[in-house]
Amino acid sequence: ALIRRIGDSTEYAQPMKGRFTISRDNTKNTVTLQ
């Protein structure tokens, strides 16, 4: 998966959709994967 800074737009590989969630905190420069 990936996440962009602008609008926190996300993309997932097809097999990952549903169970995987990516998020980002731009202020802290961190990204998470649930």
Full PDB file with SEQRES, HELIX, SHEET, SSBOND, CRYST1, ORIGX, SCALE, CONECT and MASTER records, all heavy atoms in Angstrom:
SEQRES   1 A   34  ALA LEU ILE ARG ARG ILE GLY ASP SER THR GLU TYR ALA          
SEQRES   2 A   34  GLN PRO MET LYS GLY ARG PHE THR ILE SER ARG ASP ASN          
SEQRES   3 A   34  THR LYS ASN THR VAL THR LEU GLN                              
HELIX    1 AA1 ILE A    6  ASP A    8  5                                   3    
HELIX    2 AA2 GLN A   14  MET A   16  5                                   3    
SHEET    1 AA1 2 LEU A   2  ILE A   3  0                                        
SHEET    2 AA1 2 THR A  10  GLU A  11 -1                                        
SHEET    1 AA2 2 ILE A  22  ASP A  25  0                                        
SHEET    2 AA2 2 THR A  30  LEU A  33 -1                                        
CRYST1    1.000    1.000    1.000  90.00  90.00  90.00 P 1           1          
ORIGX1      1.000000  0.000000  0.000000        0.00000                         
ORIGX2      0.000000  1.000000  0.000000        0.00000                         
ORIGX3      0.000000  0.000000  1.000000        0.00000                         
SCALE1      1.000000  0.000000  0.000000        0.00000                         
SCALE2      0.000000  1.000000  0.000000        0.00000                         
SCALE3      0.000000  0.000000  1.000000        0.00000                         
ATOM      1  N   ALA A   1       0.831  -1.198   0.000  1.00  0.00           N  
ATOM      2  CA  ALA A   1       0.000   0.000   0.000  1.00  0.00           C  
ATOM      3  C   ALA A   1       0.862   1.243   0.000  1.00  0.00           C  
ATOM      4  O   ALA A   1       2.044   1.194   0.334  1.00  0.00           O  
ATOM      5  CB  ALA A   1      -0.925   0.009   1.222  1.00  0.00           C  
ATOM      6  N   LEU A   2       0.267   2.370  -0.370  1.00  0.00           N  
ATOM      7  CA  LEU A   2       0.958   3.647  -0.310  1.00  0.00           C  
ATOM      8  C   LEU A   2      -0.012   4.740   0.091  1.00  0.00           C  
ATOM      9  O   LEU A   2      -1.231   4.598  -0.031  1.00  0.00           O  
ATOM     10  CB  LEU A   2       1.632   3.987  -1.653  1.00  0.00           C  
ATOM     11  CG  LEU A   2       0.759   4.265  -2.886  1.00  0.00           C  
ATOM     12  CD1 LEU A   2       0.267   5.721  -2.904  1.00  0.00           C  
ATOM     13  CD2 LEU A   2       1.543   3.972  -4.158  1.00  0.00           C  
ATOM     14  N   ILE A   3       0.551   5.836   0.557  1.00  0.00           N  
ATOM     15  CA  ILE A   3      -0.263   6.981   0.939  1.00  0.00           C  
ATOM     16  C   ILE A   3       0.475   8.254   0.539  1.00  0.00           C  
ATOM     17  O   ILE A   3       1.673   8.385   0.757  1.00  0.00           O  
ATOM     18  CB  ILE A   3      -0.592   6.963   2.449  1.00  0.00           C  
ATOM     19  CG1 ILE A   3      -1.535   8.110   2.811  1.00  0.00           C  
ATOM     20  CG2 ILE A   3       0.675   7.006   3.296  1.00  0.00           C  
ATOM     21  CD1 ILE A   3      -2.157   7.962   4.197  1.00  0.00           C  
ATOM     22  N   ARG A   4      -0.245   9.192  -0.070  1.00  0.00           N  
ATOM     23  CA  ARG A   4       0.310  10.453  -0.507  1.00  0.00           C  
ATOM     24  C   ARG A   4       0.067  11.551   0.517  1.00  0.00           C  
ATOM     25  O   ARG A   4      -0.888  11.495   1.285  1.00  0.00           O  
ATOM     26  CB  ARG A   4      -0.285  10.869  -1.852  1.00  0.00           C  
ATOM     27  CG  ARG A   4      -0.023   9.883  -2.988  1.00  0.00           C  
ATOM     28  CD  ARG A   4      -0.628  10.392  -4.284  1.00  0.00           C  
ATOM     29  NE  ARG A   4      -0.319   9.516  -5.413  1.00  0.00           N  
ATOM     30  CZ  ARG A   4      -1.037   8.463  -5.750  1.00  0.00           C  
ATOM     31  NH1 ARG A   4      -2.110   8.131  -5.044  1.00  0.00           N  
ATOM     32  NH2 ARG A   4      -0.685   7.722  -6.789  1.00  0.00           N  
ATOM     33  N   ARG A   5       0.923  12.563   0.508  1.00  0.00           N  
ATOM     34  CA  ARG A   5       0.798  13.665   1.446  1.00  0.00           C  
ATOM     35  C   ARG A   5      -0.445  14.496   1.155  1.00  0.00           C  
ATOM     36  O   ARG A   5      -1.162  14.899   2.071  1.00  0.00           O  
ATOM     37  CB  ARG A   5       2.037  14.558   1.396  1.00  0.00           C  
ATOM     38  CG  ARG A   5       2.032  15.697   2.410  1.00  0.00           C  
ATOM     39  CD  ARG A   5       3.222  16.619   2.190  1.00  0.00           C  
ATOM     40  NE  ARG A   5       4.482  15.916   2.330  1.00  0.00           N  
ATOM     41  CZ  ARG A   5       5.107  15.721   3.487  1.00  0.00           C  
ATOM     42  NH1 ARG A   5       4.578  16.192   4.611  1.00  0.00           N  
ATOM     43  NH2 ARG A   5       6.259  15.074   3.514  1.00  0.00           N  
ATOM     44  N   ILE A   6      -0.686  14.773  -0.123  1.00  0.00           N  
ATOM     45  CA  ILE A   6      -1.821  15.585  -0.521  1.00  0.00           C  
ATOM     46  C   ILE A   6      -3.115  14.799  -0.398  1.00  0.00           C  
ATOM     47  O   ILE A   6      -3.346  13.828  -1.124  1.00  0.00           O  
ATOM     48  CB  ILE A   6      -1.662  16.102  -1.966  1.00  0.00           C  
ATOM     49  CG1 ILE A   6      -0.389  16.939  -2.094  1.00  0.00           C  
ATOM     50  CG2 ILE A   6      -2.875  16.924  -2.374  1.00  0.00           C  
ATOM     51  CD1 ILE A   6      -0.112  17.428  -3.499  1.00  0.00           C  
ATOM     52  N   GLY A   7      -3.951  15.231   0.550  1.00  0.00           N  
ATOM     53  CA  GLY A   7      -5.235  14.603   0.752  1.00  0.00           C  
ATOM     54  C   GLY A   7      -5.163  13.204   1.342  1.00  0.00           C  
ATOM     55  O   GLY A   7      -6.189  12.535   1.466  1.00  0.00           O  
ATOM     56  N   ASP A   8      -3.973  12.768   1.700  1.00  0.00           N  
ATOM     57  CA  ASP A   8      -3.771  11.420   2.255  1.00  0.00           C  
ATOM     58  C   ASP A   8      -4.386  10.352   1.360  1.00  0.00           C  
ATOM     59  O   ASP A   8      -4.960   9.364   1.840  1.00  0.00           O  
ATOM     60  CB  ASP A   8      -4.367  11.332   3.659  1.00  0.00           C  
ATOM     61  CG  ASP A   8      -3.543  12.069   4.693  1.00  0.00           C  
ATOM     62  OD1 ASP A   8      -2.347  12.306   4.445  1.00  0.00           O  
ATOM     63  OD2 ASP A   8      -4.101  12.410   5.757  1.00  0.00           O  
ATOM     64  N   SER A   9      -4.267  10.560   0.059  1.00  0.00           N  
ATOM     65  CA  SER A   9      -4.782   9.598  -0.903  1.00  0.00           C  
ATOM     66  C   SER A   9      -4.041   8.271  -0.760  1.00  0.00           C  
ATOM     67  O   SER A   9      -2.813   8.240  -0.630  1.00  0.00           O  
ATOM     68  CB  SER A   9      -4.606  10.134  -2.322  1.00  0.00           C  
ATOM     69  OG  SER A   9      -5.014   9.178  -3.282  1.00  0.00           O  
ATOM     70  N   THR A  10      -4.785   7.180  -0.775  1.00  0.00           N  
ATOM     71  CA  THR A  10      -4.191   5.858  -0.585  1.00  0.00           C  
ATOM     72  C   THR A  10      -4.430   4.936  -1.770  1.00  0.00           C  
ATOM     73  O   THR A  10      -5.385   5.106  -2.538  1.00  0.00           O  
ATOM     74  CB  THR A  10      -4.760   5.183   0.672  1.00  0.00           C  
ATOM     75  OG1 THR A  10      -6.180   5.034   0.535  1.00  0.00           O  
ATOM     76  CG2 THR A  10      -4.475   6.015   1.914  1.00  0.00           C  
ATOM     77  N   GLU A  11      -3.556   3.971  -1.907  1.00  0.00           N  
ATOM     78  CA  GLU A  11      -3.692   2.929  -2.916  1.00  0.00           C  
ATOM     79  C   GLU A  11      -3.260   1.610  -2.296  1.00  0.00           C  
ATOM     80  O   GLU A  11      -2.335   1.566  -1.491  1.00  0.00           O  
ATOM     81  CB  GLU A  11      -2.841   3.232  -4.152  1.00  0.00           C  
ATOM     82  CG  GLU A  11      -3.295   4.441  -4.938  1.00  0.00           C  
ATOM     83  CD  GLU A  11      -2.467   4.674  -6.189  1.00  0.00           C  
ATOM     84  OE1 GLU A  11      -1.716   3.752  -6.587  1.00  0.00           O  
ATOM     85  OE2 GLU A  11      -2.577   5.762  -6.777  1.00  0.00           O  
ATOM     86  N   TYR A  12      -3.932   0.552  -2.680  1.00  0.00           N  
ATOM     87  CA  TYR A  12      -3.625  -0.771  -2.169  1.00  0.00           C  
ATOM     88  C   TYR A  12      -3.455  -1.764  -3.298  1.00  0.00           C  
ATOM     89  O   TYR A  12      -4.126  -1.658  -4.329  1.00  0.00           O  
ATOM     90  CB  TYR A  12      -4.747  -1.273  -1.258  1.00  0.00           C  
ATOM     91  CG  TYR A  12      -4.962  -0.464  -0.003  1.00  0.00           C  
ATOM     92  CD1 TYR A  12      -5.810   0.634  -0.002  1.00  0.00           C  
ATOM     93  CD2 TYR A  12      -4.328  -0.809   1.180  1.00  0.00           C  
ATOM     94  CE1 TYR A  12      -6.012   1.376   1.149  1.00  0.00           C  
ATOM     95  CE2 TYR A  12      -4.528  -0.080   2.339  1.00  0.00           C  
ATOM     96  CZ  TYR A  12      -5.368   1.013   2.320  1.00  0.00           C  
ATOM     97  OH  TYR A  12      -5.567   1.741   3.466  1.00  0.00           O  
ATOM     98  N   ALA A  13      -2.577  -2.713  -3.089  1.00  0.00           N  
ATOM     99  CA  ALA A  13      -2.505  -3.827  -4.013  1.00  0.00           C  
ATOM    100  C   ALA A  13      -3.823  -4.575  -3.884  1.00  0.00           C  
ATOM    101  O   ALA A  13      -4.386  -4.661  -2.786  1.00  0.00           O  
ATOM    102  CB  ALA A  13      -1.332  -4.737  -3.668  1.00  0.00           C  
ATOM    103  N   GLN A  14      -4.328  -5.100  -4.974  1.00  0.00           N  
ATOM    104  CA  GLN A  14      -5.632  -5.757  -4.967  1.00  0.00           C  
ATOM    105  C   GLN A  14      -5.781  -6.809  -3.865  1.00  0.00           C  
ATOM    106  O   GLN A  14      -6.804  -6.844  -3.184  1.00  0.00           O  
ATOM    107  CB  GLN A  14      -5.928  -6.362  -6.335  1.00  0.00           C  
ATOM    108  CG  GLN A  14      -7.339  -6.916  -6.476  1.00  0.00           C  
ATOM    109  CD  GLN A  14      -8.400  -5.849  -6.317  1.00  0.00           C  
ATOM    110  OE1 GLN A  14      -8.264  -4.729  -6.818  1.00  0.00           O  
ATOM    111  NE2 GLN A  14      -9.467  -6.185  -5.597  1.00  0.00           N  
ATOM    112  N   PRO A  15      -4.780  -7.671  -3.666  1.00  0.00           N  
ATOM    113  CA  PRO A  15      -4.925  -8.693  -2.620  1.00  0.00           C  
ATOM    114  C   PRO A  15      -4.990  -8.121  -1.206  1.00  0.00           C  
ATOM    115  O   PRO A  15      -5.427  -8.816  -0.286  1.00  0.00           O  
ATOM    116  CB  PRO A  15      -3.670  -9.558  -2.791  1.00  0.00           C  
ATOM    117  CG  PRO A  15      -3.239  -9.323  -4.200  1.00  0.00           C  
ATOM    118  CD  PRO A  15      -3.548  -7.880  -4.441  1.00  0.00           C  
ATOM    119  N   MET A  16      -4.564  -6.882  -1.015  1.00  0.00           N  
ATOM    120  CA  MET A  16      -4.516  -6.273   0.310  1.00  0.00           C  
ATOM    121  C   MET A  16      -5.785  -5.511   0.672  1.00  0.00           C  
ATOM    122  O   MET A  16      -5.975  -5.150   1.835  1.00  0.00           O  
ATOM    123  CB  MET A  16      -3.331  -5.313   0.410  1.00  0.00           C  
ATOM    124  CG  MET A  16      -2.033  -5.821  -0.185  1.00  0.00           C  
ATOM    125  SD  MET A  16      -1.499  -7.383   0.541  1.00  0.00           S  
ATOM    126  CE  MET A  16      -0.110  -7.766  -0.539  1.00  0.00           C  
ATOM    127  N   LYS A  17      -6.623  -5.256  -0.286  1.00  0.00           N  
ATOM    128  CA  LYS A  17      -7.825  -4.481  -0.036  1.00  0.00           C  
ATOM    129  C   LYS A  17      -8.746  -5.198   0.938  1.00  0.00           C  
ATOM    130  O   LYS A  17      -9.026  -6.378   0.801  1.00  0.00           O  
ATOM    131  CB  LYS A  17      -8.566  -4.193  -1.345  1.00  0.00           C  
ATOM    132  CG  LYS A  17      -7.799  -3.273  -2.283  1.00  0.00           C  
ATOM    133  CD  LYS A  17      -8.596  -2.973  -3.547  1.00  0.00           C  
ATOM    134  CE  LYS A  17      -7.840  -2.019  -4.455  1.00  0.00           C  
ATOM    135  NZ  LYS A  17      -8.589  -1.721  -5.699  1.00  0.00           N  
ATOM    136  N   GLY A  18      -9.186  -4.447   1.943  1.00  0.00           N  
ATOM    137  CA  GLY A  18     -10.109  -4.992   2.927  1.00  0.00           C  
ATOM    138  C   GLY A  18      -9.473  -5.211   4.280  1.00  0.00           C  
ATOM    139  O   GLY A  18      -9.943  -4.674   5.281  1.00  0.00           O  
ATOM    140  N   ARG A  19      -8.401  -5.993   4.336  1.00  0.00           N  
ATOM    141  CA  ARG A  19      -7.770  -6.331   5.601  1.00  0.00           C  
ATOM    142  C   ARG A  19      -6.634  -5.387   5.976  1.00  0.00           C  
ATOM    143  O   ARG A  19      -6.222  -5.359   7.131  1.00  0.00           O  
ATOM    144  CB  ARG A  19      -7.232  -7.760   5.571  1.00  0.00           C  
ATOM    145  CG  ARG A  19      -8.301  -8.814   5.381  1.00  0.00           C  
ATOM    146  CD  ARG A  19      -7.727 -10.214   5.585  1.00  0.00           C  
ATOM    147  NE  ARG A  19      -6.695 -10.541   4.614  1.00  0.00           N  
ATOM    148  CZ  ARG A  19      -5.415 -10.716   4.906  1.00  0.00           C  
ATOM    149  NH1 ARG A  19      -4.995 -10.607   6.163  1.00  0.00           N  
ATOM    150  NH2 ARG A  19      -4.545 -11.016   3.951  1.00  0.00           N  
ATOM    151  N   PHE A  20      -6.128  -4.630   5.013  1.00  0.00           N  
ATOM    152  CA  PHE A  20      -4.994  -3.738   5.241  1.00  0.00           C  
ATOM    153  C   PHE A  20      -5.430  -2.282   5.223  1.00  0.00           C  
ATOM    154  O   PHE A  20      -6.220  -1.873   4.371  1.00  0.00           O  
ATOM    155  CB  PHE A  20      -3.917  -3.942   4.172  1.00  0.00           C  
ATOM    156  CG  PHE A  20      -3.221  -5.273   4.246  1.00  0.00           C  
ATOM    157  CD1 PHE A  20      -3.876  -6.444   3.892  1.00  0.00           C  
ATOM    158  CD2 PHE A  20      -1.898  -5.349   4.651  1.00  0.00           C  
ATOM    159  CE1 PHE A  20      -3.235  -7.669   3.955  1.00  0.00           C  
ATOM    160  CE2 PHE A  20      -1.236  -6.565   4.711  1.00  0.00           C  
ATOM    161  CZ  PHE A  20      -1.905  -7.735   4.368  1.00  0.00           C  
ATOM    162  N   THR A  21      -4.896  -1.508   6.156  1.00  0.00           N  
ATOM    163  CA  THR A  21      -5.197  -0.088   6.218  1.00  0.00           C  
ATOM    164  C   THR A  21      -3.924   0.705   6.462  1.00  0.00           C  
ATOM    165  O   THR A  21      -3.228   0.472   7.447  1.00  0.00           O  
ATOM    166  CB  THR A  21      -6.206   0.229   7.334  1.00  0.00           C  
ATOM    167  OG1 THR A  21      -7.404  -0.536   7.146  1.00  0.00           O  
ATOM    168  CG2 THR A  21      -6.568   1.710   7.304  1.00  0.00           C  
ATOM    169  N   ILE A  22      -3.623   1.636   5.564  1.00  0.00           N  
ATOM    170  CA  ILE A  22      -2.453   2.487   5.715  1.00  0.00           C  
ATOM    171  C   ILE A  22      -2.904   3.880   6.141  1.00  0.00           C  
ATOM    172  O   ILE A  22      -3.930   4.378   5.682  1.00  0.00           O  
ATOM    173  CB  ILE A  22      -1.626   2.551   4.412  1.00  0.00           C  
ATOM    174  CG1 ILE A  22      -0.304   3.292   4.640  1.00  0.00           C  
ATOM    175  CG2 ILE A  22      -2.420   3.209   3.288  1.00  0.00           C  
ATOM    176  CD1 ILE A  22       0.656   3.219   3.452  1.00  0.00           C  
ATOM    177  N   SER A  23      -2.147   4.500   7.020  1.00  0.00           N  
ATOM    178  CA  SER A  23      -2.454   5.847   7.472  1.00  0.00           C  
ATOM    179  C   SER A  23      -1.153   6.613   7.680  1.00  0.00           C  
ATOM    180  O   SER A  23      -0.073   6.018   7.749  1.00  0.00           O  
ATOM    181  CB  SER A  23      -3.287   5.827   8.756  1.00  0.00           C  
ATOM    182  OG  SER A  23      -2.593   5.167   9.803  1.00  0.00           O  
ATOM    183  N   ARG A  24      -1.265   7.935   7.778  1.00  0.00           N  
ATOM    184  CA  ARG A  24      -0.073   8.771   7.862  1.00  0.00           C  
ATOM    185  C   ARG A  24      -0.303   9.971   8.752  1.00  0.00           C  
ATOM    186  O   ARG A  24      -1.381  10.554   8.765  1.00  0.00           O  
ATOM    187  CB  ARG A  24       0.312   9.217   6.448  1.00  0.00           C  
ATOM    188  CG  ARG A  24       1.524  10.120   6.351  1.00  0.00           C  
ATOM    189  CD  ARG A  24       1.872  10.364   4.896  1.00  0.00           C  
ATOM    190  NE  ARG A  24       3.098  11.135   4.746  1.00  0.00           N  
ATOM    191  CZ  ARG A  24       3.705  11.348   3.589  1.00  0.00           C  
ATOM    192  NH1 ARG A  24       3.211  10.841   2.472  1.00  0.00           N  
ATOM    193  NH2 ARG A  24       4.820  12.065   3.550  1.00  0.00           N  
ATOM    194  N   ASP A  25       0.740  10.337   9.478  1.00  0.00           N  
ATOM    195  CA  ASP A  25       0.745  11.553  10.267  1.00  0.00           C  
ATOM    196  C   ASP A  25       1.862  12.410   9.685  1.00  0.00           C  
ATOM    197  O   ASP A  25       3.037  12.197   9.987  1.00  0.00           O  
ATOM    198  CB  ASP A  25       0.987  11.267  11.747  1.00  0.00           C  
ATOM    199  CG  ASP A  25       0.869  12.504  12.610  1.00  0.00           C  
ATOM    200  OD1 ASP A  25       1.152  13.613  12.126  1.00  0.00           O  
ATOM    201  OD2 ASP A  25       0.493  12.372  13.790  1.00  0.00           O  
ATOM    202  N   ASN A  26       1.503  13.367   8.838  1.00  0.00           N  
ATOM    203  CA  ASN A  26       2.503  14.179   8.155  1.00  0.00           C  
ATOM    204  C   ASN A  26       3.329  15.038   9.102  1.00  0.00           C  
ATOM    205  O   ASN A  26       4.509  15.298   8.842  1.00  0.00           O  
ATOM    206  CB  ASN A  26       1.826  15.070   7.105  1.00  0.00           C  
ATOM    207  CG  ASN A  26       1.219  14.276   5.970  1.00  0.00           C  
ATOM    208  OD1 ASN A  26       1.699  13.201   5.622  1.00  0.00           O  
ATOM    209  ND2 ASN A  26       0.161  14.815   5.372  1.00  0.00           N  
ATOM    210  N   THR A  27       2.714  15.487  10.179  1.00  0.00           N  
ATOM    211  CA  THR A  27       3.427  16.314  11.147  1.00  0.00           C  
ATOM    212  C   THR A  27       4.540  15.534  11.831  1.00  0.00           C  
ATOM    213  O   THR A  27       5.640  16.048  12.043  1.00  0.00           O  
ATOM    214  CB  THR A  27       2.462  16.874  12.201  1.00  0.00           C  
ATOM    215  OG1 THR A  27       1.448  17.659  11.559  1.00  0.00           O  
ATOM    216  CG2 THR A  27       3.217  17.746  13.194  1.00  0.00           C  
ATOM    217  N   LYS A  28       4.257  14.286  12.167  1.00  0.00           N  
ATOM    218  CA  LYS A  28       5.228  13.452  12.859  1.00  0.00           C  
ATOM    219  C   LYS A  28       6.086  12.617  11.916  1.00  0.00           C  
ATOM    220  O   LYS A  28       6.980  11.896  12.364  1.00  0.00           O  
ATOM    221  CB  LYS A  28       4.508  12.535  13.840  1.00  0.00           C  
ATOM    222  CG  LYS A  28       3.741  13.271  14.927  1.00  0.00           C  
ATOM    223  CD  LYS A  28       3.051  12.295  15.867  1.00  0.00           C  
ATOM    224  CE  LYS A  28       2.305  13.024  16.963  1.00  0.00           C  
ATOM    225  NZ  LYS A  28       1.618  12.074  17.875  1.00  0.00           N  
ATOM    226  N   ASN A  29       5.789  12.695  10.621  1.00  0.00           N  
ATOM    227  CA  ASN A  29       6.515  11.908   9.623  1.00  0.00           C  
ATOM    228  C   ASN A  29       6.478  10.417   9.945  1.00  0.00           C  
ATOM    229  O   ASN A  29       7.509   9.734   9.946  1.00  0.00           O  
ATOM    230  CB  ASN A  29       7.966  12.387   9.507  1.00  0.00           C  
ATOM    231  CG  ASN A  29       8.078  13.732   8.833  1.00  0.00           C  
ATOM    232  OD1 ASN A  29       7.341  14.036   7.894  1.00  0.00           O  
ATOM    233  ND2 ASN A  29       9.017  14.550   9.301  1.00  0.00           N  
ATOM    234  N   THR A  30       5.288   9.944  10.227  1.00  0.00           N  
ATOM    235  CA  THR A  30       5.111   8.528  10.509  1.00  0.00           C  
ATOM    236  C   THR A  30       4.018   7.949   9.625  1.00  0.00           C  
ATOM    237  O   THR A  30       3.113   8.653   9.188  1.00  0.00           O  
ATOM    238  CB  THR A  30       4.738   8.276  11.983  1.00  0.00           C  
ATOM    239  OG1 THR A  30       3.504   8.949  12.285  1.00  0.00           O  
ATOM    240  CG2 THR A  30       5.828   8.776  12.915  1.00  0.00           C  
ATOM    241  N   VAL A  31       4.112   6.670   9.372  1.00  0.00           N  
ATOM    242  CA  VAL A  31       3.101   5.963   8.609  1.00  0.00           C  
ATOM    243  C   VAL A  31       2.857   4.627   9.298  1.00  0.00           C  
ATOM    244  O   VAL A  31       3.780   4.030   9.852  1.00  0.00           O  
ATOM    245  CB  VAL A  31       3.542   5.759   7.140  1.00  0.00           C  
ATOM    246  CG1 VAL A  31       4.793   4.892   7.062  1.00  0.00           C  
ATOM    247  CG2 VAL A  31       2.415   5.143   6.318  1.00  0.00           C  
ATOM    248  N   THR A  32       1.614   4.189   9.290  1.00  0.00           N  
ATOM    249  CA  THR A  32       1.274   2.936   9.945  1.00  0.00           C  
ATOM    250  C   THR A  32       0.572   1.997   8.979  1.00  0.00           C  
ATOM    251  O   THR A  32       0.004   2.423   7.978  1.00  0.00           O  
ATOM    252  CB  THR A  32       0.361   3.162  11.164  1.00  0.00           C  
ATOM    253  OG1 THR A  32      -0.888   3.731  10.732  1.00  0.00           O  
ATOM    254  CG2 THR A  32       1.011   4.111  12.159  1.00  0.00           C  
ATOM    255  N   LEU A  33       0.626   0.728   9.298  1.00  0.00           N  
ATOM    256  CA  LEU A  33      -0.069  -0.285   8.517  1.00  0.00           C  
ATOM    257  C   LEU A  33      -0.799  -1.196   9.486  1.00  0.00           C  
ATOM    258  O   LEU A  33      -0.166  -1.879  10.289  1.00  0.00           O  
ATOM    259  CB  LEU A  33       0.898  -1.100   7.665  1.00  0.00           C  
ATOM    260  CG  LEU A  33       0.249  -2.174   6.784  1.00  0.00           C  
ATOM    261  CD1 LEU A  33      -0.555  -1.513   5.659  1.00  0.00           C  
ATOM    262  CD2 LEU A  33       1.301  -3.110   6.198  1.00  0.00           C  
ATOM    263  N   GLN A  34      -2.112  -1.178   9.414  1.00  0.00           N  
ATOM    264  CA  GLN A  34      -2.945  -2.037  10.233  1.00  0.00           C  
ATOM    265  C   GLN A  34      -3.350  -3.250   9.411  1.00  0.00           C  
ATOM    266  O   GLN A  34      -3.852  -3.111   8.294  1.00  0.00           O  
ATOM    267  CB  GLN A  34      -4.199  -1.278  10.693  1.00  0.00           C  
ATOM    268  CG  GLN A  34      -5.210  -2.109  11.460  1.00  0.00           C  
ATOM    269  CD  GLN A  34      -4.822  -2.342  12.905  1.00  0.00           C  
ATOM    270  OE1 GLN A  34      -4.086  -1.545  13.489  1.00  0.00           O  
ATOM    271  NE2 GLN A  34      -5.316  -3.421  13.485  1.00  0.00           N  
TER     272      GLN A  34                                                      
MASTER        0    0    0    2    4    0    0    6  271    1    0    3          
END                                                                             
